[in-house]
N, C-alpha and C. Protein backbone atom coordinates (compact mmCIF):
# COMPACT_ATOMS: atom_id res chain seq x y z
N MET A 1 16.31 23.20 -3.03
CA MET A 1 15.10 22.18 -3.97
C MET A 1 14.98 21.13 -2.93
N GLU A 2 16.02 20.51 -2.27
CA GLU A 2 15.35 19.26 -1.50
C GLU A 2 14.81 19.66 -0.43
N TRP A 3 14.24 20.95 0.13
CA TRP A 3 13.67 20.92 1.07
C TRP A 3 12.23 21.18 0.30
N ILE A 4 11.87 21.65 -0.75
CA ILE A 4 10.74 21.17 -1.69
C ILE A 4 10.19 20.33 -1.51
N GLY A 5 10.79 19.12 -1.93
CA GLY A 5 10.75 17.65 -2.08
C GLY A 5 10.29 17.54 -0.26
N ALA A 6 10.86 17.44 0.45
CA ALA A 6 10.96 16.92 1.89
C ALA A 6 9.42 17.36 1.99
N VAL A 7 9.66 19.47 2.17
CA VAL A 7 8.23 19.05 2.83
C VAL A 7 6.66 18.75 2.21
N THR A 8 7.16 18.47 0.45
CA THR A 8 6.04 17.93 0.00
C THR A 8 5.58 16.23 0.98
N ALA A 9 6.75 15.57 0.16
CA ALA A 9 6.88 14.41 1.18
C ALA A 9 5.79 14.09 2.31
N GLY A 10 6.28 15.01 3.11
CA GLY A 10 5.76 15.10 4.74
C GLY A 10 4.26 15.64 4.54
N ILE A 11 3.88 16.58 4.07
CA ILE A 11 2.96 16.33 3.65
C ILE A 11 1.75 15.63 2.67
N MET A 12 2.38 14.65 1.90
CA MET A 12 1.64 13.51 1.33
C MET A 12 1.70 12.31 2.46
N ALA A 13 2.43 12.77 3.32
CA ALA A 13 2.25 11.52 3.95
C ALA A 13 1.67 11.84 5.36
N ALA A 14 1.13 12.98 5.22
CA ALA A 14 0.17 13.38 6.39
C ALA A 14 -1.50 13.14 5.87
N LEU A 15 -1.24 13.48 4.49
CA LEU A 15 -2.17 13.15 3.75
C LEU A 15 -3.10 12.01 3.57
N GLY A 16 -1.88 11.04 3.55
CA GLY A 16 -2.20 9.44 3.42
C GLY A 16 -2.54 9.14 4.42
N VAL A 17 -2.01 9.27 5.71
CA VAL A 17 -2.45 8.60 7.02
C VAL A 17 -3.69 9.21 7.11
N TRP A 18 -3.44 10.61 7.05
CA TRP A 18 -5.53 11.09 6.83
C TRP A 18 -6.48 10.17 6.11
N MET A 19 -5.97 9.76 5.24
CA MET A 19 -7.29 8.95 4.51
C MET A 19 -7.00 8.12 4.69
N MET A 20 -6.29 6.93 5.29
CA MET A 20 -6.49 5.64 5.78
C MET A 20 -7.16 5.53 6.89
N LEU A 21 -7.20 6.45 7.66
CA LEU A 21 -8.33 6.26 9.09
C LEU A 21 -9.41 6.49 8.79
N ASN A 22 -10.07 6.52 7.50
CA ASN A 22 -11.40 7.27 6.98
C ASN A 22 -12.15 5.45 7.13
N ARG A 23 -12.95 5.69 7.07
CA ARG A 23 -14.24 4.31 7.12
C ARG A 23 -14.56 4.51 5.86
N HIS A 24 -14.56 5.11 4.55
CA HIS A 24 -14.83 4.46 3.31
C HIS A 24 -13.67 3.84 2.72
N LEU A 25 -14.09 2.41 2.47
CA LEU A 25 -12.69 1.82 1.58
C LEU A 25 -11.86 2.14 0.56
N MET A 26 -12.31 2.52 -0.35
CA MET A 26 -12.17 3.99 -0.92
C MET A 26 -11.01 4.83 -0.71
N ARG A 27 -11.28 5.66 -0.17
CA ARG A 27 -10.21 6.50 0.56
C ARG A 27 -9.59 5.76 1.17
N VAL A 28 -9.31 4.48 1.89
CA VAL A 28 -8.45 3.96 2.46
C VAL A 28 -7.13 3.55 1.79
N VAL A 29 -7.79 2.76 0.57
CA VAL A 29 -6.90 1.96 -0.95
C VAL A 29 -6.43 3.44 -1.21
N LEU A 30 -6.85 4.94 -1.48
CA LEU A 30 -6.35 5.64 -1.88
C LEU A 30 -5.10 6.59 -0.96
N GLY A 31 -5.38 6.00 0.07
CA GLY A 31 -4.44 6.90 1.75
C GLY A 31 -3.33 6.30 1.41
N ILE A 32 -3.40 4.77 1.16
CA ILE A 32 -1.86 3.88 0.85
C ILE A 32 -1.00 4.09 -0.11
N ALA A 33 -2.20 4.59 -1.05
CA ALA A 33 -1.29 4.61 -2.69
C ALA A 33 -0.52 6.18 -2.39
N VAL A 34 -1.16 6.79 -1.85
CA VAL A 34 -0.59 8.38 -1.59
C VAL A 34 0.42 8.48 -0.40
N LEU A 35 0.09 7.58 0.64
CA LEU A 35 1.76 7.33 1.90
C LEU A 35 2.59 6.38 0.89
N GLY A 36 2.00 5.25 0.13
CA GLY A 36 3.32 4.68 -0.72
C GLY A 36 4.16 5.65 -1.40
N ASN A 37 3.81 6.94 -2.24
CA ASN A 37 4.49 8.04 -3.06
C ASN A 37 5.03 9.00 -2.39
N ALA A 38 4.14 9.47 -1.17
CA ALA A 38 5.29 10.13 0.07
C ALA A 38 6.51 9.55 0.52
N ILE A 39 6.56 8.32 0.52
CA ILE A 39 7.56 7.32 1.12
C ILE A 39 8.18 7.29 -0.01
N ASN A 40 8.02 7.04 -1.58
CA ASN A 40 9.16 7.40 -2.77
C ASN A 40 9.50 8.66 -2.34
N LEU A 41 8.89 9.64 -2.54
CA LEU A 41 9.17 11.19 -2.85
C LEU A 41 10.59 11.24 -1.26
N GLY A 42 10.13 10.77 -0.46
CA GLY A 42 11.06 11.00 0.22
C GLY A 42 12.41 9.75 0.57
N VAL A 43 12.34 9.45 0.19
CA VAL A 43 13.75 8.41 -0.57
C VAL A 43 14.28 9.24 -1.50
N LEU A 44 13.65 9.22 -2.70
CA LEU A 44 14.26 10.42 -3.09
C LEU A 44 14.99 11.82 -3.36
N THR A 45 14.07 12.54 -2.48
CA THR A 45 15.15 13.71 -1.79
C THR A 45 15.85 13.68 -0.94
N ALA A 46 16.44 11.99 -0.24
CA ALA A 46 17.40 12.36 0.83
C ALA A 46 18.27 11.84 -0.39
N GLY A 47 18.32 10.89 -1.56
CA GLY A 47 18.94 10.93 -2.08
C GLY A 47 19.46 11.60 -3.30
N ARG A 48 19.71 13.36 -2.60
CA ARG A 48 19.73 14.11 -3.50
C ARG A 48 19.38 14.08 -5.03
N PHE A 49 18.54 14.02 -5.57
CA PHE A 49 17.92 14.21 -6.97
C PHE A 49 18.58 15.72 -7.39
N ALA A 50 18.92 16.68 -7.01
CA ALA A 50 19.30 17.76 -8.22
C ALA A 50 20.42 18.02 -7.73
N GLY A 51 21.40 16.70 -7.98
CA GLY A 51 23.17 17.06 -8.09
C GLY A 51 23.54 17.42 -9.32
N SER A 52 24.40 18.37 -10.26
CA SER A 52 24.08 19.13 -11.30
C SER A 52 24.69 18.15 -12.26
N GLU A 53 25.78 16.89 -11.68
CA GLU A 53 26.62 15.47 -12.11
C GLU A 53 25.83 14.59 -12.57
N ALA A 54 26.17 14.37 -13.39
CA ALA A 54 25.48 12.72 -13.63
C ALA A 54 26.19 11.47 -12.56
N ALA A 55 25.23 10.69 -12.39
CA ALA A 55 25.97 9.50 -11.74
C ALA A 55 27.36 8.83 -12.47
N PHE A 56 27.35 8.87 -13.80
CA PHE A 56 28.47 8.23 -13.98
C PHE A 56 29.58 8.81 -14.49
N ILE A 57 30.92 8.19 -14.03
CA ILE A 57 31.91 9.08 -14.04
C ILE A 57 32.97 8.66 -14.64
N PHE A 58 34.25 9.15 -15.13
CA PHE A 58 35.43 8.14 -15.35
C PHE A 58 36.09 8.03 -14.52
N SER A 59 37.01 7.45 -15.32
CA SER A 59 38.56 7.04 -13.93
C SER A 59 39.05 8.30 -14.15
N GLY A 60 39.72 8.54 -13.26
CA GLY A 60 40.46 10.04 -12.50
C GLY A 60 39.47 11.22 -12.68
N GLN A 61 38.24 11.58 -12.51
CA GLN A 61 37.60 12.24 -12.62
C GLN A 61 37.45 12.58 -11.10
N ASP A 62 36.95 13.95 -10.72
CA ASP A 62 36.40 14.11 -9.18
C ASP A 62 34.66 14.35 -9.48
N VAL A 63 34.27 13.47 -8.53
CA VAL A 63 33.35 12.96 -8.00
C VAL A 63 33.00 14.63 -6.55
N LEU A 64 31.74 15.84 -7.17
CA LEU A 64 32.13 16.76 -6.76
C LEU A 64 30.33 16.71 -6.00
N ASP A 65 29.39 17.18 -6.81
CA ASP A 65 28.18 16.97 -6.53
C ASP A 65 27.37 16.11 -8.09
N SER A 66 27.67 14.91 -7.68
CA SER A 66 26.47 13.81 -8.48
C SER A 66 25.63 13.59 -7.94
N ALA A 67 24.24 13.14 -8.62
CA ALA A 67 23.36 12.66 -8.08
C ALA A 67 23.45 11.23 -7.73
N ASN A 68 23.04 10.66 -7.03
CA ASN A 68 22.84 9.51 -6.48
C ASN A 68 21.87 8.37 -7.04
N PRO A 69 22.50 7.62 -7.86
CA PRO A 69 21.49 6.60 -8.48
C PRO A 69 21.05 5.56 -7.91
N LEU A 70 21.64 5.35 -6.36
CA LEU A 70 20.54 4.39 -5.91
C LEU A 70 19.25 4.15 -5.63
N PRO A 71 19.20 5.44 -5.05
CA PRO A 71 17.63 5.74 -4.88
C PRO A 71 16.31 6.21 -5.60
N GLN A 72 17.51 6.22 -6.60
CA GLN A 72 16.18 6.56 -8.21
C GLN A 72 15.98 4.24 -8.59
N ALA A 73 17.08 3.87 -8.32
CA ALA A 73 16.91 2.95 -8.98
C ALA A 73 15.72 2.44 -8.05
N LEU A 74 15.83 2.26 -6.33
CA LEU A 74 14.54 1.52 -5.50
C LEU A 74 13.67 2.59 -5.41
N VAL A 75 13.55 4.03 -6.12
CA VAL A 75 12.38 4.03 -6.11
C VAL A 75 11.81 3.67 -7.34
N LEU A 76 12.25 3.24 -8.62
CA LEU A 76 11.53 3.30 -9.94
C LEU A 76 10.93 1.99 -9.27
N THR A 77 11.82 0.62 -9.27
CA THR A 77 11.32 -0.78 -8.26
C THR A 77 10.25 -0.68 -7.32
N ALA A 78 9.93 0.61 -6.20
CA ALA A 78 8.88 0.60 -5.40
C ALA A 78 7.71 1.04 -6.55
N ILE A 79 7.88 1.78 -7.52
CA ILE A 79 6.57 2.39 -8.32
C ILE A 79 6.43 1.43 -8.62
N VAL A 80 6.78 0.31 -9.72
CA VAL A 80 5.73 -0.72 -10.14
C VAL A 80 5.66 -1.42 -8.80
N ILE A 81 6.30 -1.71 -8.26
CA ILE A 81 5.48 -2.80 -6.67
C ILE A 81 4.08 -2.31 -6.15
N GLY A 82 4.25 -0.77 -6.02
CA GLY A 82 3.22 0.33 -5.45
C GLY A 82 2.42 -0.15 -6.17
N PHE A 83 2.46 -0.07 -8.10
CA PHE A 83 1.45 -0.17 -8.54
C PHE A 83 1.14 -1.54 -9.14
N ALA A 84 1.21 -2.43 -8.33
CA ALA A 84 0.58 -3.81 -8.64
C ALA A 84 0.50 -3.86 -7.37
N LEU A 85 0.13 -3.13 -6.16
CA LEU A 85 -0.61 -3.10 -4.70
C LEU A 85 -1.45 -2.63 -5.12
N PHE A 86 -1.48 -1.54 -5.42
CA PHE A 86 -2.76 -1.14 -5.94
C PHE A 86 -3.42 -1.36 -6.31
N VAL A 87 -3.60 -1.60 -7.61
CA VAL A 87 -4.39 -2.58 -8.36
C VAL A 87 -4.95 -3.76 -7.29
N PHE A 88 -4.13 -4.62 -7.17
CA PHE A 88 -4.54 -6.15 -5.78
C PHE A 88 -5.71 -5.02 -5.10
N ALA A 89 -5.02 -4.16 -4.55
CA ALA A 89 -6.27 -3.59 -3.33
C ALA A 89 -7.41 -2.83 -4.63
N LEU A 90 -7.13 -2.92 -5.40
CA LEU A 90 -8.78 -2.35 -6.04
C LEU A 90 -9.83 -3.16 -6.37
N SER A 91 -8.81 -4.18 -6.64
CA SER A 91 -9.78 -5.44 -7.01
C SER A 91 -10.04 -6.11 -6.14
N VAL A 92 -9.81 -6.03 -4.77
CA VAL A 92 -10.38 -6.59 -3.50
C VAL A 92 -11.18 -5.82 -3.38
N LEU A 93 -11.47 -4.82 -3.41
CA LEU A 93 -12.21 -3.50 -3.16
C LEU A 93 -13.47 -4.08 -3.53
N LYS A 94 -13.37 -3.96 -5.30
CA LYS A 94 -14.50 -4.46 -6.39
C LYS A 94 -15.13 -5.59 -5.51
N ARG A 95 -14.72 -6.41 -5.38
CA ARG A 95 -15.02 -7.92 -4.49
C ARG A 95 -15.64 -7.70 -3.40
N THR A 96 -15.35 -6.91 -2.34
CA THR A 96 -16.22 -6.32 -1.61
C THR A 96 -17.28 -5.89 -1.16
N HIS A 97 -17.62 -5.21 -2.41
CA HIS A 97 -18.66 -4.06 -2.80
C HIS A 97 -19.71 -4.79 -3.57
N GLU A 98 -19.10 -5.98 -4.11
CA GLU A 98 -19.57 -7.37 -4.86
C GLU A 98 -20.80 -7.84 -3.86
N LEU A 99 -20.07 -8.57 -3.05
CA LEU A 99 -20.38 -9.51 -2.05
C LEU A 99 -20.97 -8.93 -0.99
N HIS A 100 -20.66 -7.61 0.04
CA HIS A 100 -21.52 -6.88 0.58
C HIS A 100 -22.34 -5.51 0.72
N GLY A 101 -22.12 -4.99 -1.09
CA GLY A 101 -23.11 -3.99 -1.68
C GLY A 101 -22.31 -2.68 -0.35
N ASP A 102 -21.63 -2.63 0.15
CA ASP A 102 -21.44 -1.50 0.55
C ASP A 102 -19.32 -1.21 1.15
N LYS A 103 -18.81 -0.13 0.69
CA LYS A 103 -18.08 -0.05 1.35
C LYS A 103 -17.22 0.54 2.57
N ASN A 104 -18.37 0.39 3.45
CA ASN A 104 -18.09 1.12 4.92
C ASN A 104 -16.98 0.17 5.57
N THR A 105 -16.26 0.31 5.89
CA THR A 105 -15.74 -0.42 7.29
C THR A 105 -16.34 -1.20 8.05
N ASP A 106 -17.01 -0.41 8.63
CA ASP A 106 -17.92 -0.64 9.80
C ASP A 106 -18.99 -2.11 9.28
N ARG A 107 -19.68 -2.13 7.87
CA ARG A 107 -20.89 -2.38 7.38
C ARG A 107 -19.74 -4.02 7.59
N VAL A 108 -18.94 -3.75 6.20
CA VAL A 108 -18.08 -4.49 6.00
C VAL A 108 -17.29 -6.03 7.55
N SER A 109 -16.77 -5.27 8.47
CA SER A 109 -17.10 -5.47 9.42
C SER A 109 -18.12 -6.61 10.40
N GLN A 110 -19.09 -5.91 9.96
CA GLN A 110 -19.95 -6.64 11.24
C GLN A 110 -20.93 -7.92 10.32
N VAL A 111 -20.73 -8.18 8.86
CA VAL A 111 -20.82 -8.76 7.92
C VAL A 111 -20.33 -9.70 8.12
N THR A 112 -18.89 -9.46 7.72
CA THR A 112 -17.59 -10.45 8.22
C THR A 112 -17.50 -11.57 9.26
N GLU A 113 -18.02 -10.93 10.63
CA GLU A 113 -17.54 -11.34 11.54
C GLU A 113 -18.74 -11.88 12.09
N GLU A 114 -19.95 -11.82 11.41
CA GLU A 114 -20.91 -13.11 11.90
C GLU A 114 -20.72 -14.57 11.73
N PRO A 115 -21.20 -15.18 12.93
CA PRO A 115 -20.77 -16.76 13.00
C PRO A 115 -21.49 -17.17 11.61
N ALA A 116 -20.43 -18.85 11.28
CA ALA A 116 -21.27 -19.37 10.54
C ALA A 116 -22.27 -20.08 10.56
N PRO A 117 -23.37 -20.63 9.61
CA PRO A 117 -24.40 -21.40 9.91
C PRO A 117 -24.15 -23.05 10.05
N ASP A 118 -24.97 -22.86 10.90
CA ASP A 118 -24.32 -24.37 12.25
C ASP A 118 -25.24 -25.65 11.82
N GLU A 119 -26.40 -25.03 10.74
CA GLU A 119 -26.97 -26.19 10.07
C GLU A 119 -26.71 -27.45 9.57
N ASP A 120 -25.81 -27.74 8.97
CA ASP A 120 -25.03 -28.69 8.38
C ASP A 120 -23.88 -29.67 9.30
N GLU A 121 -24.04 -28.79 10.30
CA GLU A 121 -22.46 -29.73 11.74
C GLU A 121 -23.38 -30.81 11.78
N GLU A 122 -24.29 -31.17 12.36
CA GLU A 122 -24.77 -32.24 13.24
C GLU A 122 -24.46 -33.27 11.88
N GLN A 123 -25.09 -33.18 10.22
CA GLN A 123 -25.10 -34.64 8.95
C GLN A 123 -22.94 -34.46 8.98
N ALA A 124 -22.54 -33.57 8.91
CA ALA A 124 -21.22 -33.59 8.77
C ALA A 124 -20.48 -34.46 9.69
N TYR A 125 -20.55 -34.36 11.39
CA TYR A 125 -20.14 -34.87 12.31
C TYR A 125 -20.83 -35.55 13.32
N PRO A 126 -21.35 -36.60 13.13
CA PRO A 126 -21.86 -36.93 14.02
C PRO A 126 -21.37 -37.04 15.11
N PRO A 127 -21.96 -37.09 16.40
CA PRO A 127 -21.34 -37.74 17.96
C PRO A 127 -20.43 -38.80 17.81
N ALA A 128 -20.15 -38.65 18.79
CA ALA A 128 -18.92 -40.05 19.25
C ALA A 128 -19.54 -41.40 19.53
N GLY A 129 -19.23 -41.98 18.78
CA GLY A 129 -19.78 -43.60 19.18
C GLY A 129 -20.97 -43.73 18.39
N GLU A 130 -21.23 -42.56 17.35
CA GLU A 130 -22.58 -43.08 16.42
C GLU A 130 -22.34 -43.03 15.44
N GLY A 131 -22.76 -43.57 14.45
CA GLY A 131 -22.13 -43.58 12.51
C GLY A 131 -21.35 -44.85 12.56
N LYS A 132 -20.41 -44.82 11.83
CA LYS A 132 -19.94 -46.29 11.15
C LYS A 132 -18.57 -46.40 11.97
N PRO A 133 -18.92 -47.90 12.31
CA PRO A 133 -17.91 -48.51 12.86
C PRO A 133 -16.50 -48.47 12.44
C-alpha cells in the first residue's frame, strides 16, 4: 500500500514542478500547492500510514505494526501552513493582476524592472552647495 502512496507523491511532485515552470502566474501558484501536497503525501507515506495497530499502546503491550503518529501530526500542521501560503499567494496574484493587468511572468517582470521616473529628483535633492546653509 505504501508504494501506491510513494508513486502518487512522485507523480504529484513532477506535476507541481512542471506547473511551476509555466509562464502563467496562476499555474505557478497551483504548482506550488500541488508540490506542497506531494511533499505531505511523501512524509505521510514514509511514516507507515497503513499500520494495523493504533499509535496508542498500553504498558506491557508489544508494538508490532503500529502507525507512526509523528508524520501524521507534521502533515496536519503542514496542511494548515500550506493553505495559508496558498491564500496569500492568491491574494498577491490578484493584486498583481489589478496593477499590471496581466498574469504572464514576462510581462510582469518587464513592467516591474522599468526604472522609476526621475522628474522630482532635482527638487528633492538639490546639488551640493545649493539650497539651505
